[in-house]
Amino acid sequence: MPVRATTIAARGLRFDALTAGRRGDLVILLHGFPQTASCWREALGALADAGFRAVAPTQRGYSRGAQPEGVDAYRVSELCEDVLAIARALGARRFHLVGHDWGGTVAWALAGEHADALATLTVMSTPHTRALGAALRGTEQRLRMAYVPVLRLPQLPELLFDAAGGALATRALTATGLNPEAARRDVDALREVGVTGALNWYRALGRDSFPRMQPVAVPTLHIWGDSDIAFGRAATELSAEYVDAPYHLVELEGGTHWIPDEHWDDVSDLVVEHLTAHPLSRR
């Protein structure tokens, strides 16, 4: 089914988005850093073919019409409110939520705080935030995330993304397992709108008392690749402790961090089965 570009007005902002399917349960898909809705293009078509209405917004800081100023505007609480407002703008009271990377962090938080809004949760790569916090007490997970303090610095990350016309950032992404075409796509898109908004997601860490990261009370599918460069096994397996609902962890042997781009064919049937098993009409 064809994927269409659109714009969604919500909270005084305008979010670029990709969408496929006009009927069926709404599925909202959230990208991570440093990507846009484009990482979900294959998933959107597959979900539409399975009978869902699938929408992937390019989130705050990544859409040209959604670039609020100041680091506090990029706290997780604001990102969650964006998702709820986008759903309302699409006419949905409840929906399925899929997230990857930073989009997974937002998805975990929203599921914990607004379970009534969700029929299901699907998270790719990202562990539950409290599980990640526990794992960060160990050396292995801290080493995996040694890049985060660099991305929180003023100005330097922007310079790194602009270096050699984005070639340095593209090579860095490729080294983590993302294919060169997708890496260049993502770097070019981010440089076009400016990278500061996306980096402010990192700079806002620790500024938000919300979410308290309540246990998740909706059926959850968690997909992780065992070659993920950012998130290790400890944080992944601990995530089960923070879900008070049916929970299924799928481990992709040889799977990289970039599941939407690199491994959608491996997980498509699993995601469709998960969504189909918990339709919006069932409470």
C-alpha atoms as a PDB file:
ATOM      1  CA  MET A   1       0.000   0.000   0.000  1.00  0.00           C
ATOM      2  CA  PRO A   2       1.409   3.463  -0.841  1.00  0.00           C
ATOM      3  CA  VAL A   3       3.009   5.636   1.831  1.00  0.00           C
ATOM      4  CA  ARG A   4       1.932   9.270   1.770  1.00  0.00           C
ATOM      5  CA  ALA A   5       3.518  12.400   3.197  1.00  0.00           C
ATOM      6  CA  THR A   6       1.333  14.661   5.318  1.00  0.00           C
ATOM      7  CA  THR A   7       1.470  17.292   8.046  1.00  0.00           C
ATOM      8  CA  ILE A   8      -0.224  17.042  11.436  1.00  0.00           C
ATOM      9  CA  ALA A   9      -1.060  20.167  13.457  1.00  0.00           C
ATOM     10  CA  ALA A  10      -0.857  19.612  17.222  1.00  0.00           C
ATOM     11  CA  ARG A  11      -0.009  21.777  20.253  1.00  0.00           C
ATOM     12  CA  GLY A  12       0.659  24.790  18.059  1.00  0.00           C
ATOM     13  CA  LEU A  13       3.287  22.860  16.084  1.00  0.00           C
ATOM     14  CA  ARG A  14       3.265  21.225  12.670  1.00  0.00           C
ATOM     15  CA  PHE A  15       4.691  17.725  12.462  1.00  0.00           C
ATOM     16  CA  ASP A  16       5.770  16.230   9.163  1.00  0.00           C
ATOM     17  CA  ALA A  17       4.537  12.647   8.961  1.00  0.00           C
ATOM     18  CA  LEU A  18       4.291   9.589   6.767  1.00  0.00           C
ATOM     19  CA  THR A  19       1.074   7.582   6.703  1.00  0.00           C
ATOM     20  CA  ALA A  20      -0.347   4.483   5.074  1.00  0.00           C
ATOM     21  CA  GLY A  21      -3.806   2.972   5.281  1.00  0.00           C
ATOM     22  CA  ARG A  22      -6.991   4.978   5.785  1.00  0.00           C
ATOM     23  CA  ARG A  23      -9.005   2.576   7.937  1.00  0.00           C
ATOM     24  CA  GLY A  24      -8.404   0.189  10.782  1.00  0.00           C
ATOM     25  CA  ASP A  25      -6.875   0.599  14.234  1.00  0.00           C
ATOM     26  CA  LEU A  26      -4.444   3.513  14.481  1.00  0.00           C
ATOM     27  CA  VAL A  27      -0.767   2.641  14.951  1.00  0.00           C
ATOM     28  CA  ILE A  28       1.630   5.496  15.783  1.00  0.00           C
ATOM     29  CA  LEU A  29       5.321   4.812  15.166  1.00  0.00           C
ATOM     30  CA  LEU A  30       8.024   6.909  16.863  1.00  0.00           C
ATOM     31  CA  HIS A  31      11.528   7.208  15.460  1.00  0.00           C
ATOM     32  CA  GLY A  32      14.739   7.716  17.394  1.00  0.00           C
ATOM     33  CA  PHE A  33      17.995   9.662  17.026  1.00  0.00           C
ATOM     34  CA  PRO A  34      19.133  10.785  14.528  1.00  0.00           C
ATOM     35  CA  GLN A  35      16.314   9.566  12.306  1.00  0.00           C
ATOM     36  CA  THR A  36      12.931  10.720  11.030  1.00  0.00           C
ATOM     37  CA  ALA A  37       9.675   9.047  10.065  1.00  0.00           C
ATOM     38  CA  SER A  38      11.486   7.727   6.981  1.00  0.00           C
ATOM     39  CA  CYS A  39      12.939   4.837   8.983  1.00  0.00           C
ATOM     40  CA  TRP A  40       9.387   3.426   9.223  1.00  0.00           C
ATOM     41  CA  ARG A  41       8.568   3.534   5.500  1.00  0.00           C
ATOM     42  CA  GLU A  42       8.689  -0.239   5.033  1.00  0.00           C
ATOM     43  CA  ALA A  43       6.783  -0.822   8.272  1.00  0.00           C
ATOM     44  CA  LEU A  44       4.050   1.638   7.299  1.00  0.00           C
ATOM     45  CA  GLY A  45       3.283  -0.198   4.089  1.00  0.00           C
ATOM     46  CA  ALA A  46       3.277  -3.578   5.804  1.00  0.00           C
ATOM     47  CA  LEU A  47       0.965  -2.415   8.592  1.00  0.00           C
ATOM     48  CA  ALA A  48      -1.422  -0.846   6.098  1.00  0.00           C
ATOM     49  CA  ASP A  49      -1.476  -4.073   4.097  1.00  0.00           C
ATOM     50  CA  ALA A  50      -2.395  -5.869   7.339  1.00  0.00           C
ATOM     51  CA  GLY A  51      -5.431  -3.607   7.802  1.00  0.00           C
ATOM     52  CA  PHE A  52      -4.067  -0.899  10.097  1.00  0.00           C
ATOM     53  CA  ARG A  53      -3.958   2.867   9.766  1.00  0.00           C
ATOM     54  CA  ALA A  54      -0.265   3.558  10.345  1.00  0.00           C
ATOM     55  CA  VAL A  55       1.187   7.021  11.025  1.00  0.00           C
ATOM     56  CA  ALA A  56       4.811   7.924  11.718  1.00  0.00           C
ATOM     57  CA  PRO A  57       5.344  11.533  12.824  1.00  0.00           C
ATOM     58  CA  THR A  58       8.718  13.199  12.497  1.00  0.00           C
ATOM     59  CA  GLN A  59       8.973  14.374  16.063  1.00  0.00           C
ATOM     60  CA  ARG A  60       9.687  17.629  17.872  1.00  0.00           C
ATOM     61  CA  GLY A  61      13.112  18.986  16.968  1.00  0.00           C
ATOM     62  CA  TYR A  62      13.168  16.995  13.716  1.00  0.00           C
ATOM     63  CA  SER A  63      10.225  18.583  11.873  1.00  0.00           C
ATOM     64  CA  ARG A  64      10.784  22.046  10.460  1.00  0.00           C
ATOM     65  CA  GLY A  65       7.444  23.199  11.902  1.00  0.00           C
ATOM     66  CA  ALA A  66       8.129  21.781  15.372  1.00  0.00           C
ATOM     67  CA  GLN A  67      11.279  23.499  16.593  1.00  0.00           C
ATOM     68  CA  PRO A  68      10.487  25.129  19.956  1.00  0.00           C
ATOM     69  CA  GLU A  69      13.354  26.983  21.579  1.00  0.00           C
ATOM     70  CA  GLY A  70      15.055  26.014  24.818  1.00  0.00           C
ATOM     71  CA  VAL A  71      16.219  22.694  26.227  1.00  0.00           C
ATOM     72  CA  ASP A  72      13.231  22.350  28.583  1.00  0.00           C
ATOM     73  CA  ALA A  73      10.926  22.097  25.578  1.00  0.00           C
ATOM     74  CA  TYR A  74      12.458  18.680  24.864  1.00  0.00           C
ATOM     75  CA  ARG A  75      11.754  16.956  28.163  1.00  0.00           C
ATOM     76  CA  VAL A  76      10.150  13.517  27.952  1.00  0.00           C
ATOM     77  CA  SER A  77       6.900  14.907  29.357  1.00  0.00           C
ATOM     78  CA  GLU A  78       6.641  17.297  26.398  1.00  0.00           C
ATOM     79  CA  LEU A  79       7.431  14.511  23.929  1.00  0.00           C
ATOM     80  CA  CYS A  80       4.700  12.330  25.420  1.00  0.00           C
ATOM     81  CA  GLU A  81       2.162  15.134  25.222  1.00  0.00           C
ATOM     82  CA  ASP A  82       3.030  15.552  21.557  1.00  0.00           C
ATOM     83  CA  VAL A  83       2.107  11.928  20.875  1.00  0.00           C
ATOM     84  CA  LEU A  84      -1.212  12.223  22.686  1.00  0.00           C
ATOM     85  CA  ALA A  85      -2.007  15.448  20.838  1.00  0.00           C
ATOM     86  CA  ILE A  86      -1.121  13.887  17.486  1.00  0.00           C
ATOM     87  CA  ALA A  87      -3.476  10.987  18.236  1.00  0.00           C
ATOM     88  CA  ARG A  88      -6.269  13.430  19.090  1.00  0.00           C
ATOM     89  CA  ALA A  89      -5.590  15.347  15.871  1.00  0.00           C
ATOM     90  CA  LEU A  90      -6.006  12.054  14.016  1.00  0.00           C
ATOM     91  CA  GLY A  91      -9.346  11.494  15.753  1.00  0.00           C
ATOM     92  CA  ALA A  92      -8.180   8.645  17.994  1.00  0.00           C
ATOM     93  CA  ARG A  93      -8.852   8.229  21.693  1.00  0.00           C
ATOM     94  CA  ARG A  94      -6.819   5.021  21.861  1.00  0.00           C
ATOM     95  CA  PHE A  95      -4.096   3.632  19.616  1.00  0.00           C
ATOM     96  CA  HIS A  96      -1.238   1.176  19.300  1.00  0.00           C
ATOM     97  CA  LEU A  97       2.216   2.626  19.944  1.00  0.00           C
ATOM     98  CA  VAL A  98       5.508   1.490  18.407  1.00  0.00           C
ATOM     99  CA  GLY A  99       8.837   3.120  19.291  1.00  0.00           C
ATOM    100  CA  HIS A 100      12.507   2.704  18.468  1.00  0.00           C
ATOM    101  CA  ASP A 101      15.573   4.185  20.204  1.00  0.00           C
ATOM    102  CA  TRP A 102      14.531   7.564  21.698  1.00  0.00           C
ATOM    103  CA  GLY A 103      11.067   6.860  20.334  1.00  0.00           C
ATOM    104  CA  GLY A 104      11.138   3.750  22.502  1.00  0.00           C
ATOM    105  CA  THR A 105      11.968   5.837  25.567  1.00  0.00           C
ATOM    106  CA  VAL A 106       8.965   8.052  24.852  1.00  0.00           C
ATOM    107  CA  ALA A 107       6.815   4.980  24.255  1.00  0.00           C
ATOM    108  CA  TRP A 108       7.785   3.340  27.582  1.00  0.00           C
ATOM    109  CA  ALA A 109       7.055   6.593  29.410  1.00  0.00           C
ATOM    110  CA  LEU A 110       3.713   7.171  27.743  1.00  0.00           C
ATOM    111  CA  ALA A 111       2.635   3.576  28.382  1.00  0.00           C
ATOM    112  CA  GLY A 112       3.481   3.943  32.054  1.00  0.00           C
ATOM    113  CA  GLU A 113       1.650   7.225  32.520  1.00  0.00           C
ATOM    114  CA  HIS A 114      -1.222   6.899  30.037  1.00  0.00           C
ATOM    115  CA  ALA A 115      -2.038   3.204  29.786  1.00  0.00           C
ATOM    116  CA  ASP A 116      -5.696   4.031  29.056  1.00  0.00           C
ATOM    117  CA  ALA A 117      -4.626   5.599  25.771  1.00  0.00           C
ATOM    118  CA  LEU A 118      -2.916   2.468  24.460  1.00  0.00           C
ATOM    119  CA  ALA A 119      -4.091  -0.905  23.231  1.00  0.00           C
ATOM    120  CA  THR A 120      -0.534  -2.228  22.886  1.00  0.00           C
ATOM    121  CA  LEU A 121       3.096  -1.193  23.219  1.00  0.00           C
ATOM    122  CA  THR A 122       5.871  -2.346  20.915  1.00  0.00           C
ATOM    123  CA  VAL A 123       9.426  -1.224  21.656  1.00  0.00           C
ATOM    124  CA  MET A 124      12.406  -1.938  19.431  1.00  0.00           C
ATOM    125  CA  SER A 125      15.936  -1.872  20.865  1.00  0.00           C
ATOM    126  CA  THR A 126      15.273   0.404  23.853  1.00  0.00           C
ATOM    127  CA  PRO A 127      15.001  -1.048  27.366  1.00  0.00           C
ATOM    128  CA  HIS A 128      12.629   0.343  29.973  1.00  0.00           C
ATOM    129  CA  THR A 129      14.171   3.484  31.423  1.00  0.00           C
ATOM    130  CA  ARG A 130      14.337   2.123  34.956  1.00  0.00           C
ATOM    131  CA  ALA A 131      15.929  -1.078  33.689  1.00  0.00           C
ATOM    132  CA  LEU A 132      18.486   1.008  31.821  1.00  0.00           C
ATOM    133  CA  GLY A 133      19.188   2.987  34.978  1.00  0.00           C
ATOM    134  CA  ALA A 134      19.861  -0.205  36.884  1.00  0.00           C
ATOM    135  CA  ALA A 135      22.120  -1.533  34.135  1.00  0.00           C
ATOM    136  CA  LEU A 136      24.080   1.719  34.055  1.00  0.00           C
ATOM    137  CA  ARG A 137      25.443   0.852  37.482  1.00  0.00           C
ATOM    138  CA  GLY A 138      27.576  -1.675  35.620  1.00  0.00           C
ATOM    139  CA  THR A 139      30.617  -0.876  33.517  1.00  0.00           C
ATOM    140  CA  GLU A 140      29.421  -2.605  30.352  1.00  0.00           C
ATOM    141  CA  GLN A 141      26.293  -0.484  29.826  1.00  0.00           C
ATOM    142  CA  ARG A 142      28.123   2.706  30.823  1.00  0.00           C
ATOM    143  CA  LEU A 143      30.712   2.036  28.123  1.00  0.00           C
ATOM    144  CA  ARG A 144      27.982   1.462  25.558  1.00  0.00           C
ATOM    145  CA  MET A 145      26.523   4.890  26.323  1.00  0.00           C
ATOM    146  CA  ALA A 146      29.771   6.832  26.560  1.00  0.00           C
ATOM    147  CA  TYR A 147      28.621   8.877  23.552  1.00  0.00           C
ATOM    148  CA  VAL A 148      25.733  10.473  25.462  1.00  0.00           C
ATOM    149  CA  PRO A 149      27.792  13.066  27.415  1.00  0.00           C
ATOM    150  CA  VAL A 150      29.360  14.162  24.122  1.00  0.00           C
ATOM    151  CA  LEU A 151      25.948  14.750  22.545  1.00  0.00           C
ATOM    152  CA  ARG A 152      24.909  16.872  25.533  1.00  0.00           C
ATOM    153  CA  LEU A 153      27.793  19.329  25.119  1.00  0.00           C
ATOM    154  CA  PRO A 154      27.064  22.808  23.727  1.00  0.00           C
ATOM    155  CA  GLN A 155      27.947  23.430  20.080  1.00  0.00           C
ATOM    156  CA  LEU A 156      30.427  20.575  19.590  1.00  0.00           C
ATOM    157  CA  PRO A 157      27.832  17.988  18.465  1.00  0.00           C
ATOM    158  CA  GLU A 158      26.431  20.439  15.927  1.00  0.00           C
ATOM    159  CA  LEU A 159      29.947  20.886  14.543  1.00  0.00           C
ATOM    160  CA  LEU A 160      30.442  17.133  14.348  1.00  0.00           C
ATOM    161  CA  PHE A 161      27.261  16.727  12.296  1.00  0.00           C
ATOM    162  CA  ASP A 162      28.352  19.463   9.915  1.00  0.00           C
ATOM    163  CA  ALA A 163      31.922  18.180   9.544  1.00  0.00           C
ATOM    164  CA  ALA A 164      32.805  17.279   5.961  1.00  0.00           C
ATOM    165  CA  GLY A 165      29.262  18.012   4.842  1.00  0.00           C
ATOM    166  CA  GLY A 166      27.841  15.355   7.153  1.00  0.00           C
ATOM    167  CA  ALA A 167      30.259  12.643   5.988  1.00  0.00           C
ATOM    168  CA  LEU A 168      31.718  12.122   9.475  1.00  0.00           C
ATOM    169  CA  ALA A 169      28.285  11.554  11.040  1.00  0.00           C
ATOM    170  CA  THR A 170      27.293   9.294   8.172  1.00  0.00           C
ATOM    171  CA  ARG A 171      30.374   7.119   8.674  1.00  0.00           C
ATOM    172  CA  ALA A 172      29.743   6.964  12.404  1.00  0.00           C
ATOM    173  CA  LEU A 173      26.195   5.689  11.872  1.00  0.00           C
ATOM    174  CA  THR A 174      27.336   3.181   9.298  1.00  0.00           C
ATOM    175  CA  ALA A 175      29.884   1.829  11.779  1.00  0.00           C
ATOM    176  CA  THR A 176      27.034   0.990  14.178  1.00  0.00           C
ATOM    177  CA  GLY A 177      25.256  -1.213  11.618  1.00  0.00           C
ATOM    178  CA  LEU A 178      23.018   1.210   9.704  1.00  0.00           C
ATOM    179  CA  ASN A 179      23.338   0.833   5.938  1.00  0.00           C
ATOM    180  CA  PRO A 180      25.105   3.745   4.176  1.00  0.00           C
ATOM    181  CA  GLU A 181      22.045   4.830   2.186  1.00  0.00           C
ATOM    182  CA  ALA A 182      19.889   5.150   5.319  1.00  0.00           C
ATOM    183  CA  ALA A 183      22.714   6.828   7.230  1.00  0.00           C
ATOM    184  CA  ARG A 184      23.117   9.482   4.563  1.00  0.00           C
ATOM    185  CA  ARG A 185      19.324   9.912   4.366  1.00  0.00           C
ATOM    186  CA  ASP A 186      19.106  10.577   8.094  1.00  0.00           C
ATOM    187  CA  VAL A 187      22.106  12.887   8.347  1.00  0.00           C
ATOM    188  CA  ASP A 188      20.996  14.944   5.350  1.00  0.00           C
ATOM    189  CA  ALA A 189      17.454  15.286   6.740  1.00  0.00           C
ATOM    190  CA  LEU A 190      18.692  16.395  10.135  1.00  0.00           C
ATOM    191  CA  ARG A 191      21.203  18.873   8.761  1.00  0.00           C
ATOM    192  CA  GLU A 192      18.496  20.367   6.551  1.00  0.00           C
ATOM    193  CA  VAL A 193      16.324  21.396   9.512  1.00  0.00           C
ATOM    194  CA  GLY A 194      19.187  21.901  11.982  1.00  0.00           C
ATOM    195  CA  VAL A 195      20.470  19.381  14.490  1.00  0.00           C
ATOM    196  CA  THR A 196      20.045  21.404  17.698  1.00  0.00           C
ATOM    197  CA  GLY A 197      16.449  20.368  18.371  1.00  0.00           C
ATOM    198  CA  ALA A 198      17.300  16.689  18.096  1.00  0.00           C
ATOM    199  CA  LEU A 199      20.337  17.108  20.349  1.00  0.00           C
ATOM    200  CA  ASN A 200      18.193  18.905  22.917  1.00  0.00           C
ATOM    201  CA  TRP A 201      16.503  15.574  23.672  1.00  0.00           C
ATOM    202  CA  TYR A 202      19.839  14.535  25.202  1.00  0.00           C
ATOM    203  CA  ARG A 203      20.467  17.912  26.820  1.00  0.00           C
ATOM    204  CA  ALA A 204      17.091  17.735  28.564  1.00  0.00           C
ATOM    205  CA  LEU A 205      18.005  14.508  30.376  1.00  0.00           C
ATOM    206  CA  GLY A 206      17.589  14.930  34.126  1.00  0.00           C
ATOM    207  CA  ARG A 207      15.405  18.040  33.838  1.00  0.00           C
ATOM    208  CA  ASP A 208      12.091  16.217  34.010  1.00  0.00           C
ATOM    209  CA  SER A 209      10.445  14.902  37.163  1.00  0.00           C
ATOM    210  CA  PHE A 210       7.982  13.213  34.802  1.00  0.00           C
ATOM    211  CA  PRO A 211       7.721  10.434  33.992  1.00  0.00           C
ATOM    212  CA  ARG A 212       8.015   8.547  37.251  1.00  0.00           C
ATOM    213  CA  MET A 213       8.205   5.518  34.991  1.00  0.00           C
ATOM    214  CA  GLN A 214       5.301   3.579  36.397  1.00  0.00           C
ATOM    215  CA  PRO A 215       5.151  -0.117  35.506  1.00  0.00           C
ATOM    216  CA  VAL A 216       3.586  -0.616  32.104  1.00  0.00           C
ATOM    217  CA  ALA A 217       0.064  -2.049  32.213  1.00  0.00           C
ATOM    218  CA  VAL A 218      -0.535  -2.741  28.516  1.00  0.00           C
ATOM    219  CA  PRO A 219       0.454  -5.798  26.460  1.00  0.00           C
ATOM    220  CA  THR A 220       4.072  -5.271  25.443  1.00  0.00           C
ATOM    221  CA  LEU A 221       6.277  -6.642  22.678  1.00  0.00           C
ATOM    222  CA  HIS A 222       9.978  -5.885  23.171  1.00  0.00           C
ATOM    223  CA  ILE A 223      12.386  -6.606  20.306  1.00  0.00           C
ATOM    224  CA  TRP A 224      16.169  -6.464  20.744  1.00  0.00           C
ATOM    225  CA  GLY A 225      19.103  -7.405  18.542  1.00  0.00           C
ATOM    226  CA  ASP A 226      21.985  -9.132  20.277  1.00  0.00           C
ATOM    227  CA  SER A 227      24.446  -7.033  18.239  1.00  0.00           C
ATOM    228  CA  ASP A 228      22.884  -3.762  19.425  1.00  0.00           C
ATOM    229  CA  ILE A 229      25.726  -1.326  20.034  1.00  0.00           C
ATOM    230  CA  ALA A 230      23.806   0.918  22.451  1.00  0.00           C
ATOM    231  CA  PHE A 231      21.790  -1.398  24.691  1.00  0.00           C
ATOM    232  CA  GLY A 232      23.076  -4.589  26.267  1.00  0.00           C
ATOM    233  CA  ARG A 233      21.485  -7.762  27.511  1.00  0.00           C
ATOM    234  CA  ALA A 234      21.313  -6.741  31.178  1.00  0.00           C
ATOM    235  CA  ALA A 235      19.074  -3.706  30.599  1.00  0.00           C
ATOM    236  CA  THR A 236      17.010  -5.607  28.053  1.00  0.00           C
ATOM    237  CA  GLU A 237      16.251  -8.562  30.310  1.00  0.00           C
ATOM    238  CA  LEU A 238      15.565  -6.341  33.329  1.00  0.00           C
ATOM    239  CA  SER A 239      12.781  -4.587  31.394  1.00  0.00           C
ATOM    240  CA  ALA A 240      10.378  -7.446  32.122  1.00  0.00           C
ATOM    241  CA  GLU A 241      10.349  -6.390  35.778  1.00  0.00           C
ATOM    242  CA  TYR A 242       8.647  -3.121  34.839  1.00  0.00           C
ATOM    243  CA  VAL A 243       5.707  -4.551  32.880  1.00  0.00           C
ATOM    244  CA  ASP A 244       2.554  -5.638  34.735  1.00  0.00           C
ATOM    245  CA  ALA A 245       0.868  -7.053  31.638  1.00  0.00           C
ATOM    246  CA  PRO A 246       1.582  -9.732  29.038  1.00  0.00           C
ATOM    247  CA  TYR A 247       5.205  -9.207  27.973  1.00  0.00           C
ATOM    248  CA  HIS A 248       7.148 -10.895  25.210  1.00  0.00           C
ATOM    249  CA  LEU A 249      10.861 -10.335  24.560  1.00  0.00           C
ATOM    250  CA  VAL A 250      12.145 -11.292  21.112  1.00  0.00           C
ATOM    251  CA  GLU A 251      15.900 -11.558  20.629  1.00  0.00           C
ATOM    252  CA  LEU A 252      17.203 -11.171  17.075  1.00  0.00           C
ATOM    253  CA  GLU A 253      20.376 -13.184  16.623  1.00  0.00           C
ATOM    254  CA  GLY A 254      22.864 -10.906  14.889  1.00  0.00           C
ATOM    255  CA  GLY A 255      20.366  -8.052  14.997  1.00  0.00           C
ATOM    256  CA  THR A 256      21.740  -4.519  15.091  1.00  0.00           C
ATOM    257  CA  HIS A 257      20.353  -1.453  16.849  1.00  0.00           C
ATOM    258  CA  TRP A 258      18.598  -0.303  13.664  1.00  0.00           C
ATOM    259  CA  ILE A 259      15.668  -2.702  13.634  1.00  0.00           C
ATOM    260  CA  PRO A 260      13.181  -0.592  11.586  1.00  0.00           C
ATOM    261  CA  ASP A 261      15.657  -0.147   8.733  1.00  0.00           C
ATOM    262  CA  GLU A 262      17.696  -3.341   8.887  1.00  0.00           C
ATOM    263  CA  HIS A 263      15.421  -6.033  10.301  1.00  0.00           C
ATOM    264  CA  TRP A 264      11.791  -5.154   9.581  1.00  0.00           C
ATOM    265  CA  ASP A 265      11.288  -8.282   7.496  1.00  0.00           C
ATOM    266  CA  ASP A 266      12.375 -10.359  10.502  1.00  0.00           C
ATOM    267  CA  VAL A 267       9.850  -8.805  12.869  1.00  0.00           C
ATOM    268  CA  SER A 268       6.929  -7.736  10.667  1.00  0.00           C
ATOM    269  CA  ASP A 269       4.806 -10.826  11.313  1.00  0.00           C
ATOM    270  CA  LEU A 270       5.491 -10.629  15.058  1.00  0.00           C
ATOM    271  CA  VAL A 271       4.379  -7.000  15.244  1.00  0.00           C
ATOM    272  CA  VAL A 272       1.226  -7.593  13.204  1.00  0.00           C
ATOM    273  CA  GLU A 273       0.355 -10.614  15.351  1.00  0.00           C
ATOM    274  CA  HIS A 274       0.846  -8.561  18.527  1.00  0.00           C
ATOM    275  CA  LEU A 275      -1.395  -5.739  17.309  1.00  0.00           C
ATOM    276  CA  THR A 276      -4.043  -8.060  15.947  1.00  0.00           C
ATOM    277  CA  ALA A 277      -4.270  -9.960  19.227  1.00  0.00           C
ATOM    278  CA  HIS A 278      -5.226  -6.766  21.103  1.00  0.00           C
ATOM    279  CA  PRO A 279      -7.625  -4.718  18.955  1.00  0.00           C
ATOM    280  CA  LEU A 280      -8.721  -1.267  20.074  1.00  0.00           C
ATOM    281  CA  SER A 281     -12.280  -2.504  20.479  1.00  0.00           C
ATOM    282  CA  ARG A 282     -11.194  -4.764  23.344  1.00  0.00           C
ATOM    283  CA  ARG A 283     -10.836  -3.159  26.778  1.00  0.00           C
END
